[in-house]
Amino acid sequence: MRHSLLIIFMAAALTACKEEKPKQETKENKNLLSTDLVNNPRTANGMDTKALEDMPTMTFKDTVFSFGTIKEGDVVKKEFEFVNEGKNPLIISNAKGSCGCTVPDYPAQPIPPGKTGMIKVEFHSQGKVGHQEKSVSITTNSNRGTHILYVKGDVK
């Protein structure tokens, strides 16, 4: 019994020490952004105020769009303009509508300091009769992290 346990242990040890092959560049990871663009000023030792000052700052012209009254089935489109007022590139990692009827489109490339960008939002009103208030949550590397845009109005 001891002999078989020793053999099992040695086999496990030998297979666990295999040298890992380097990752091959695939289509999926080829277009990933460099992690050098992401800097978290919040650490276990407190706040790095210099890093916080250097973070991107996403500033919108407006964050609420009232589309008024539309007919059921209409599609409303709105472009929300923003500026990166920070000192480093702004990365938008995700934008998600509060339901499937609200579809955002956002820039995939970093927005350099001082430059503008657009978040395009479409609201599909099919099956959405009555007063509607929908939101889009935007996840970024900005000093706020998450930003929220709103579209609202009435569907007849």
Protein backbone atom coordinates (compact mmCIF):
# COMPACT_ATOMS: atom_id res chain seq x y z
CA MET A 1 0.00 0.00 0.00
CA ARG A 2 2.81 2.42 0.92
CA HIS A 3 4.61 1.58 -2.29
CA SER A 4 1.57 2.45 -4.44
CA LEU A 5 1.01 5.75 -2.55
CA LEU A 6 4.65 6.67 -3.14
CA ILE A 7 4.28 5.96 -6.87
CA ILE A 8 1.10 8.05 -7.06
CA PHE A 9 2.78 10.92 -5.18
CA MET A 10 5.84 10.84 -7.47
CA ALA A 11 3.68 10.74 -10.60
CA ALA A 12 1.69 13.73 -9.38
CA ALA A 13 4.86 15.65 -8.56
CA LEU A 14 6.38 14.97 -11.97
CA THR A 15 3.28 16.02 -13.90
CA ALA A 16 2.83 19.15 -11.77
CA CYS A 17 6.30 20.40 -12.70
CA LYS A 18 5.67 20.57 -16.43
CA GLU A 19 7.06 23.70 -18.03
CA GLU A 20 4.27 25.93 -19.30
CA LYS A 21 4.37 26.87 -22.94
CA PRO A 22 4.24 30.61 -23.67
CA LYS A 23 0.82 31.84 -24.69
CA GLN A 24 0.38 32.09 -28.40
CA GLU A 25 -0.97 35.33 -29.70
CA THR A 26 -4.54 34.76 -30.78
CA LYS A 27 -7.04 36.97 -32.53
CA GLU A 28 -8.78 37.50 -29.17
CA ASN A 29 -5.78 38.74 -27.15
CA LYS A 30 -4.07 40.51 -30.06
CA ASN A 31 -6.28 43.61 -29.76
CA LEU A 32 -6.21 43.92 -25.97
CA LEU A 33 -5.07 47.20 -24.48
CA SER A 34 -1.87 47.46 -22.52
CA THR A 35 -2.21 47.28 -18.75
CA ASP A 36 0.20 50.24 -18.57
CA LEU A 37 -2.83 52.48 -19.19
CA VAL A 38 -4.57 51.34 -16.00
CA ASN A 39 -3.47 52.75 -12.67
CA ASN A 40 -5.43 52.32 -9.45
CA PRO A 41 -4.55 55.04 -6.91
CA ARG A 42 -6.33 53.19 -4.11
CA THR A 43 -3.95 50.84 -2.32
CA ALA A 44 -3.83 48.92 0.95
CA ASN A 45 -1.64 51.74 2.29
CA GLY A 46 -4.15 54.48 1.47
CA MET A 47 -4.61 56.82 -1.45
CA ASP A 48 -1.90 57.79 -3.93
CA THR A 49 -2.98 61.40 -4.46
CA LYS A 50 -0.56 61.98 -7.34
CA ALA A 51 -1.97 58.98 -9.24
CA LEU A 52 -5.52 60.17 -8.46
CA GLU A 53 -4.74 63.62 -9.92
CA ASP A 54 -3.34 62.03 -13.08
CA MET A 55 -6.35 59.79 -13.75
CA PRO A 56 -8.60 60.36 -16.75
CA THR A 57 -11.72 62.45 -16.14
CA MET A 58 -14.80 61.78 -18.27
CA THR A 59 -16.94 64.91 -18.56
CA PHE A 60 -20.24 64.86 -20.49
CA LYS A 61 -22.03 67.81 -22.11
CA ASP A 62 -25.27 66.23 -20.89
CA THR A 63 -26.17 62.92 -19.29
CA VAL A 64 -29.96 62.98 -19.74
CA PHE A 65 -31.83 62.94 -23.04
CA SER A 66 -35.58 63.46 -23.11
CA PHE A 67 -36.97 62.22 -26.43
CA GLY A 68 -40.50 63.53 -25.80
CA THR A 69 -43.40 61.47 -27.18
CA ILE A 70 -42.88 58.85 -29.89
CA LYS A 71 -44.93 56.06 -31.48
CA GLU A 72 -44.44 52.48 -30.38
CA GLY A 73 -41.91 50.85 -32.69
CA ASP A 74 -39.85 54.00 -33.27
CA VAL A 75 -36.12 53.88 -32.61
CA VAL A 76 -34.60 56.91 -30.90
CA LYS A 77 -30.88 57.62 -31.33
CA LYS A 78 -28.75 59.93 -29.21
CA GLU A 79 -25.04 60.67 -29.19
CA PHE A 80 -23.67 61.69 -25.80
CA GLU A 81 -20.49 63.71 -26.26
CA PHE A 82 -17.75 63.61 -23.62
CA VAL A 83 -14.24 64.99 -23.10
CA ASN A 84 -11.31 63.38 -21.34
CA GLU A 85 -10.23 66.24 -19.07
CA GLY A 86 -7.67 64.09 -17.24
CA LYS A 87 -3.94 63.63 -17.75
CA ASN A 88 -4.00 60.03 -19.01
CA PRO A 89 -5.89 58.13 -21.73
CA LEU A 90 -9.51 57.27 -20.93
CA ILE A 91 -10.48 53.63 -21.45
CA ILE A 92 -14.10 52.57 -21.69
CA SER A 93 -14.18 48.88 -20.88
CA ASN A 94 -17.96 48.36 -21.01
CA ALA A 95 -21.29 50.06 -21.61
CA LYS A 96 -24.52 48.27 -20.75
CA GLY A 97 -28.14 49.30 -21.14
CA SER A 98 -30.64 48.78 -18.31
CA CYS A 99 -32.63 46.50 -20.64
CA GLY A 100 -32.33 44.96 -24.07
CA CYS A 101 -34.23 47.87 -25.64
CA THR A 102 -31.41 50.31 -24.81
CA VAL A 103 -28.29 49.61 -26.87
CA PRO A 104 -25.05 51.55 -26.35
CA ASP A 105 -22.05 51.81 -28.68
CA TYR A 106 -18.78 53.18 -27.34
CA PRO A 107 -15.22 53.81 -28.58
CA ALA A 108 -12.96 50.76 -28.34
CA GLN A 109 -9.73 52.77 -28.44
CA PRO A 110 -8.43 54.94 -25.56
CA ILE A 111 -9.42 58.61 -25.66
CA PRO A 112 -6.30 60.79 -25.21
CA PRO A 113 -6.30 63.68 -22.71
CA GLY A 114 -8.14 66.72 -24.09
CA LYS A 115 -9.91 64.76 -26.83
CA THR A 116 -13.63 64.12 -27.25
CA GLY A 117 -15.57 60.94 -27.83
CA MET A 118 -19.15 59.79 -28.30
CA ILE A 119 -21.36 57.21 -26.64
CA LYS A 120 -24.15 56.33 -29.06
CA VAL A 121 -27.38 55.08 -27.51
CA GLU A 122 -30.39 53.61 -29.31
CA PHE A 123 -33.73 53.11 -27.61
CA HIS A 124 -36.03 50.61 -29.33
CA SER A 125 -39.62 51.33 -28.30
CA GLN A 126 -41.29 48.16 -29.61
CA GLY A 127 -43.43 46.77 -26.76
CA LYS A 128 -42.58 49.69 -24.46
CA VAL A 129 -45.83 51.70 -24.23
CA GLY A 130 -46.05 54.37 -21.54
CA HIS A 131 -43.46 56.48 -19.74
CA GLN A 132 -39.92 55.14 -20.21
CA GLU A 133 -36.74 55.91 -18.29
CA LYS A 134 -33.75 53.82 -19.36
CA SER A 135 -30.10 54.06 -18.38
CA VAL A 136 -26.69 53.10 -19.72
CA SER A 137 -23.89 52.27 -17.26
CA ILE A 138 -20.41 53.01 -18.56
CA THR A 139 -17.39 51.36 -16.93
CA THR A 140 -14.12 53.29 -17.31
CA ASN A 141 -10.69 53.82 -15.81
CA SER A 142 -11.70 57.40 -14.90
CA ASN A 143 -11.56 58.88 -11.42
CA ARG A 144 -15.29 58.09 -11.00
CA GLY A 145 -15.13 54.62 -12.50
CA THR A 146 -18.79 54.27 -13.52
CA HIS A 147 -20.84 56.90 -15.34
CA ILE A 148 -24.58 56.70 -16.06
CA LEU A 149 -26.49 58.16 -19.00
CA TYR A 150 -30.29 58.38 -19.20
CA VAL A 151 -32.89 58.41 -21.99
CA LYS A 152 -36.50 59.07 -21.15
CA GLY A 153 -39.82 59.92 -22.72
CA ASP A 154 -43.27 58.61 -23.52
CA VAL A 155 -44.25 55.90 -25.99
CA LYS A 156 -47.82 56.01 -27.39
